[in-house]
Amino acid sequence: MLAAPIIINRQMLDELSEEARQLPRLRKHRNFHGADNAPCHRLIIAIEPGSYIPPHCHADRNKDETISIVRGRIGMVFFDAQGSVTQRLLLEAGGETQGVTIPAGMFHSLLALEPGAVFLEAKAGPYLPPADSERPAWAPLENTAEAPAYLAAMRALFGS
């Protein structure tokens, strides 16, 4: 018997965003790929302003990552290996730019620029926790004293 299709509708997005607002990390994801060892990972992520995703990369040459905005506005920030910002990109639902594919090995981060932002992420599996080499020493880790100031500096790139 075939599984039923998963419908991504306003109710799902609203519920996911509400869950994100209640969590300490201010984000919540819903996987569509099943197990962590699935060959392709597909998920939607609700993210709220104040959620800090430390800059990172996916070193595996098979792990290009595609981000597509579903609702709201998010800022993408790209860095060189020394931590200098090389590019910033505004992804806005219905806007000029709605998605990006990030090459494997490129340091990046993203942040919510308004409440209720949701994006779709797709990349090769299986899921592996980030290796030390994928987390640069120049960026603070999540839940550290330096993280809020670093997030504020990234927000300032977008006039927020």
C-alpha atoms as a PDB file:
ATOM      1  CA  MET A   1       0.000   0.000   0.000  1.00  0.00           C
ATOM      2  CA  LEU A   2       1.293   3.426  -0.909  1.00  0.00           C
ATOM      3  CA  ALA A   3       1.837   6.025   1.790  1.00  0.00           C
ATOM      4  CA  ALA A   4      -0.330   9.129   1.724  1.00  0.00           C
ATOM      5  CA  PRO A   5       1.247  12.316   0.386  1.00  0.00           C
ATOM      6  CA  ILE A   6       2.522  14.793   2.951  1.00  0.00           C
ATOM      7  CA  ILE A   7       0.807  18.108   2.397  1.00  0.00           C
ATOM      8  CA  ILE A   8       2.747  21.238   3.293  1.00  0.00           C
ATOM      9  CA  ASN A   9       0.033  23.777   3.997  1.00  0.00           C
ATOM     10  CA  ARG A  10      -0.474  26.909   6.048  1.00  0.00           C
ATOM     11  CA  GLN A  11      -1.670  24.908   9.061  1.00  0.00           C
ATOM     12  CA  MET A  12       1.529  22.820   9.068  1.00  0.00           C
ATOM     13  CA  LEU A  13       3.689  25.940   8.752  1.00  0.00           C
ATOM     14  CA  ASP A  14       1.773  27.754  11.509  1.00  0.00           C
ATOM     15  CA  GLU A  15       2.090  24.779  13.857  1.00  0.00           C
ATOM     16  CA  LEU A  16       5.798  24.380  13.131  1.00  0.00           C
ATOM     17  CA  SER A  17       6.417  28.103  13.696  1.00  0.00           C
ATOM     18  CA  GLU A  18       4.504  28.007  16.974  1.00  0.00           C
ATOM     19  CA  GLU A  19       6.604  25.051  18.129  1.00  0.00           C
ATOM     20  CA  ALA A  20       9.782  26.917  17.161  1.00  0.00           C
ATOM     21  CA  ARG A  21       8.741  29.951  19.230  1.00  0.00           C
ATOM     22  CA  GLN A  22       8.408  27.702  22.297  1.00  0.00           C
ATOM     23  CA  LEU A  23      11.839  26.076  22.018  1.00  0.00           C
ATOM     24  CA  PRO A  24      15.086  27.482  23.463  1.00  0.00           C
ATOM     25  CA  ARG A  25      16.818  27.297  20.049  1.00  0.00           C
ATOM     26  CA  LEU A  26      13.884  29.127  18.393  1.00  0.00           C
ATOM     27  CA  ARG A  27      13.727  26.656  15.525  1.00  0.00           C
ATOM     28  CA  LYS A  28      11.987  23.401  14.733  1.00  0.00           C
ATOM     29  CA  HIS A  29      12.296  21.045  11.784  1.00  0.00           C
ATOM     30  CA  ARG A  30      10.079  18.437  10.213  1.00  0.00           C
ATOM     31  CA  ASN A  31      11.819  15.705   8.275  1.00  0.00           C
ATOM     32  CA  PHE A  32      10.310  14.186   5.145  1.00  0.00           C
ATOM     33  CA  HIS A  33      13.147  11.758   4.489  1.00  0.00           C
ATOM     34  CA  GLY A  34      12.560   9.188   7.214  1.00  0.00           C
ATOM     35  CA  ALA A  35      15.714   7.775   8.800  1.00  0.00           C
ATOM     36  CA  ASP A  36      18.931   9.728   9.371  1.00  0.00           C
ATOM     37  CA  ASN A  37      20.705   7.345   6.984  1.00  0.00           C
ATOM     38  CA  ALA A  38      18.393   8.208   4.060  1.00  0.00           C
ATOM     39  CA  PRO A  39      20.358   9.022   0.886  1.00  0.00           C
ATOM     40  CA  CYS A  40      18.614  12.386   0.473  1.00  0.00           C
ATOM     41  CA  HIS A  41      17.545  14.607   3.360  1.00  0.00           C
ATOM     42  CA  ARG A  42      14.505  16.847   2.854  1.00  0.00           C
ATOM     43  CA  LEU A  43      13.076  18.919   5.666  1.00  0.00           C
ATOM     44  CA  ILE A  44      11.324  22.164   6.437  1.00  0.00           C
ATOM     45  CA  ILE A  45      12.634  24.334   9.230  1.00  0.00           C
ATOM     46  CA  ALA A  46      10.764  27.055  11.070  1.00  0.00           C
ATOM     47  CA  ILE A  47      13.152  29.637  12.466  1.00  0.00           C
ATOM     48  CA  GLU A  48      12.494  32.684  14.607  1.00  0.00           C
ATOM     49  CA  PRO A  49      14.539  35.853  15.080  1.00  0.00           C
ATOM     50  CA  GLY A  50      17.124  35.226  17.775  1.00  0.00           C
ATOM     51  CA  SER A  51      17.926  31.679  16.642  1.00  0.00           C
ATOM     52  CA  TYR A  52      21.669  31.315  16.133  1.00  0.00           C
ATOM     53  CA  ILE A  53      23.004  28.819  13.603  1.00  0.00           C
ATOM     54  CA  PRO A  54      26.788  28.957  13.905  1.00  0.00           C
ATOM     55  CA  PRO A  55      28.690  29.307  10.649  1.00  0.00           C
ATOM     56  CA  HIS A  56      29.610  25.878   9.332  1.00  0.00           C
ATOM     57  CA  CYS A  57      30.280  23.965   6.141  1.00  0.00           C
ATOM     58  CA  HIS A  58      29.602  20.492   4.840  1.00  0.00           C
ATOM     59  CA  ALA A  59      33.037  19.178   3.910  1.00  0.00           C
ATOM     60  CA  ASP A  60      31.865  16.040   2.108  1.00  0.00           C
ATOM     61  CA  ARG A  61      32.054  16.918  -1.610  1.00  0.00           C
ATOM     62  CA  ASN A  62      28.696  15.183  -2.112  1.00  0.00           C
ATOM     63  CA  LYS A  63      26.885  17.437   0.371  1.00  0.00           C
ATOM     64  CA  ASP A  64      25.926  20.538  -1.552  1.00  0.00           C
ATOM     65  CA  GLU A  65      22.958  22.019   0.289  1.00  0.00           C
ATOM     66  CA  THR A  66      19.886  23.659  -1.221  1.00  0.00           C
ATOM     67  CA  ILE A  67      17.837  26.171   0.761  1.00  0.00           C
ATOM     68  CA  SER A  68      14.512  27.488  -0.518  1.00  0.00           C
ATOM     69  CA  ILE A  69      12.375  30.005   1.364  1.00  0.00           C
ATOM     70  CA  VAL A  70       8.794  28.899   1.966  1.00  0.00           C
ATOM     71  CA  ARG A  71       7.551  31.771   4.123  1.00  0.00           C
ATOM     72  CA  GLY A  72       8.978  35.013   5.462  1.00  0.00           C
ATOM     73  CA  ARG A  73      12.509  36.354   5.102  1.00  0.00           C
ATOM     74  CA  ILE A  74      15.882  34.873   5.994  1.00  0.00           C
ATOM     75  CA  GLY A  75      19.386  36.186   5.558  1.00  0.00           C
ATOM     76  CA  MET A  76      22.134  33.940   4.237  1.00  0.00           C
ATOM     77  CA  VAL A  77      25.737  34.836   5.053  1.00  0.00           C
ATOM     78  CA  PHE A  78      28.748  33.260   3.338  1.00  0.00           C
ATOM     79  CA  PHE A  79      32.307  33.352   4.695  1.00  0.00           C
ATOM     80  CA  ASP A  80      35.809  32.573   3.546  1.00  0.00           C
ATOM     81  CA  ALA A  81      38.037  30.202   5.516  1.00  0.00           C
ATOM     82  CA  GLN A  82      39.301  33.077   7.709  1.00  0.00           C
ATOM     83  CA  GLY A  83      35.802  34.249   8.678  1.00  0.00           C
ATOM     84  CA  SER A  84      35.449  37.299   6.437  1.00  0.00           C
ATOM     85  CA  VAL A  85      31.981  37.765   4.956  1.00  0.00           C
ATOM     86  CA  THR A  86      32.158  37.112   1.217  1.00  0.00           C
ATOM     87  CA  GLN A  87      28.475  37.464   0.375  1.00  0.00           C
ATOM     88  CA  ARG A  88      25.094  38.074   1.929  1.00  0.00           C
ATOM     89  CA  LEU A  89      21.832  37.071   0.358  1.00  0.00           C
ATOM     90  CA  LEU A  90      18.240  37.891   1.261  1.00  0.00           C
ATOM     91  CA  LEU A  91      15.805  35.045   0.655  1.00  0.00           C
ATOM     92  CA  GLU A  92      12.237  36.279   0.656  1.00  0.00           C
ATOM     93  CA  ALA A  93       9.063  34.350  -0.138  1.00  0.00           C
ATOM     94  CA  GLY A  94       7.704  35.964  -3.288  1.00  0.00           C
ATOM     95  CA  GLY A  95      10.817  38.129  -3.506  1.00  0.00           C
ATOM     96  CA  GLU A  96      13.625  38.492  -6.015  1.00  0.00           C
ATOM     97  CA  THR A  97      15.692  35.589  -4.594  1.00  0.00           C
ATOM     98  CA  GLN A  98      13.954  32.535  -3.192  1.00  0.00           C
ATOM     99  CA  GLY A  99      16.661  29.928  -2.927  1.00  0.00           C
ATOM    100  CA  VAL A 100      20.316  29.040  -3.128  1.00  0.00           C
ATOM    101  CA  THR A 101      22.481  25.959  -3.547  1.00  0.00           C
ATOM    102  CA  ILE A 102      25.541  26.106  -1.307  1.00  0.00           C
ATOM    103  CA  PRO A 103      28.585  24.212  -2.585  1.00  0.00           C
ATOM    104  CA  ALA A 104      30.141  21.643  -0.278  1.00  0.00           C
ATOM    105  CA  GLY A 105      32.959  23.160   1.757  1.00  0.00           C
ATOM    106  CA  MET A 106      31.550  26.728   1.778  1.00  0.00           C
ATOM    107  CA  PHE A 107      31.135  28.277   5.231  1.00  0.00           C
ATOM    108  CA  HIS A 108      27.659  29.699   5.721  1.00  0.00           C
ATOM    109  CA  SER A 109      24.993  30.608   8.229  1.00  0.00           C
ATOM    110  CA  LEU A 110      21.441  31.858   8.058  1.00  0.00           C
ATOM    111  CA  LEU A 111      19.141  33.848  10.302  1.00  0.00           C
ATOM    112  CA  ALA A 112      15.464  34.712  10.512  1.00  0.00           C
ATOM    113  CA  LEU A 113      14.721  38.324   9.659  1.00  0.00           C
ATOM    114  CA  GLU A 114      11.085  38.159  10.742  1.00  0.00           C
ATOM    115  CA  PRO A 115       8.858  35.908  12.847  1.00  0.00           C
ATOM    116  CA  GLY A 116       7.323  32.880  11.175  1.00  0.00           C
ATOM    117  CA  ALA A 117      10.104  32.277   8.645  1.00  0.00           C
ATOM    118  CA  VAL A 118      10.201  28.767   7.172  1.00  0.00           C
ATOM    119  CA  PHE A 119      12.610  27.252   4.660  1.00  0.00           C
ATOM    120  CA  LEU A 120      13.064  23.954   2.865  1.00  0.00           C
ATOM    121  CA  GLU A 121      16.466  22.277   3.077  1.00  0.00           C
ATOM    122  CA  ALA A 122      17.730  19.426   0.915  1.00  0.00           C
ATOM    123  CA  LYS A 123      21.122  17.727   0.926  1.00  0.00           C
ATOM    124  CA  ALA A 124      22.654  14.285   0.686  1.00  0.00           C
ATOM    125  CA  GLY A 125      22.434  11.961   3.662  1.00  0.00           C
ATOM    126  CA  PRO A 126      23.297  10.277   5.872  1.00  0.00           C
ATOM    127  CA  TYR A 127      23.206  12.736   8.738  1.00  0.00           C
ATOM    128  CA  LEU A 128      26.501  13.047  10.562  1.00  0.00           C
ATOM    129  CA  PRO A 129      27.178  15.513  13.384  1.00  0.00           C
ATOM    130  CA  PRO A 130      29.457  18.340  12.195  1.00  0.00           C
ATOM    131  CA  ALA A 131      33.144  17.514  12.430  1.00  0.00           C
ATOM    132  CA  ASP A 132      35.518  19.962  14.113  1.00  0.00           C
ATOM    133  CA  SER A 133      36.823  20.968  10.671  1.00  0.00           C
ATOM    134  CA  GLU A 134      33.282  21.957   9.646  1.00  0.00           C
ATOM    135  CA  ARG A 135      32.953  24.342  12.622  1.00  0.00           C
ATOM    136  CA  PRO A 136      35.440  27.185  12.253  1.00  0.00           C
ATOM    137  CA  ALA A 137      37.361  28.467  15.277  1.00  0.00           C
ATOM    138  CA  TRP A 138      36.495  32.073  14.332  1.00  0.00           C
ATOM    139  CA  ALA A 139      32.746  31.606  14.961  1.00  0.00           C
ATOM    140  CA  PRO A 140      31.252  31.111  18.423  1.00  0.00           C
ATOM    141  CA  LEU A 141      29.359  27.931  19.104  1.00  0.00           C
ATOM    142  CA  GLU A 142      25.681  27.943  19.977  1.00  0.00           C
ATOM    143  CA  ASN A 143      24.839  28.766  23.615  1.00  0.00           C
ATOM    144  CA  THR A 144      28.106  30.569  24.306  1.00  0.00           C
ATOM    145  CA  ALA A 145      28.465  34.065  25.755  1.00  0.00           C
ATOM    146  CA  GLU A 146      29.811  35.329  22.391  1.00  0.00           C
ATOM    147  CA  ALA A 147      26.952  33.975  20.260  1.00  0.00           C
ATOM    148  CA  PRO A 148      24.414  36.833  20.763  1.00  0.00           C
ATOM    149  CA  ALA A 149      26.898  39.504  19.651  1.00  0.00           C
ATOM    150  CA  TYR A 150      27.916  37.439  16.623  1.00  0.00           C
ATOM    151  CA  LEU A 151      24.253  36.958  15.662  1.00  0.00           C
ATOM    152  CA  ALA A 152      23.669  40.720  16.083  1.00  0.00           C
ATOM    153  CA  ALA A 153      26.588  41.431  13.743  1.00  0.00           C
ATOM    154  CA  MET A 154      25.081  39.108  11.124  1.00  0.00           C
ATOM    155  CA  ARG A 155      21.658  40.788  11.537  1.00  0.00           C
ATOM    156  CA  ALA A 156      23.314  44.172  10.986  1.00  0.00           C
ATOM    157  CA  LEU A 157      24.379  42.976   7.507  1.00  0.00           C
ATOM    158  CA  PHE A 158      20.678  43.081   6.631  1.00  0.00           C
ATOM    159  CA  GLY A 159      19.895  46.411   8.281  1.00  0.00           C
ATOM    160  CA  SER A 160      18.197  44.758  11.255  1.00  0.00           C
END
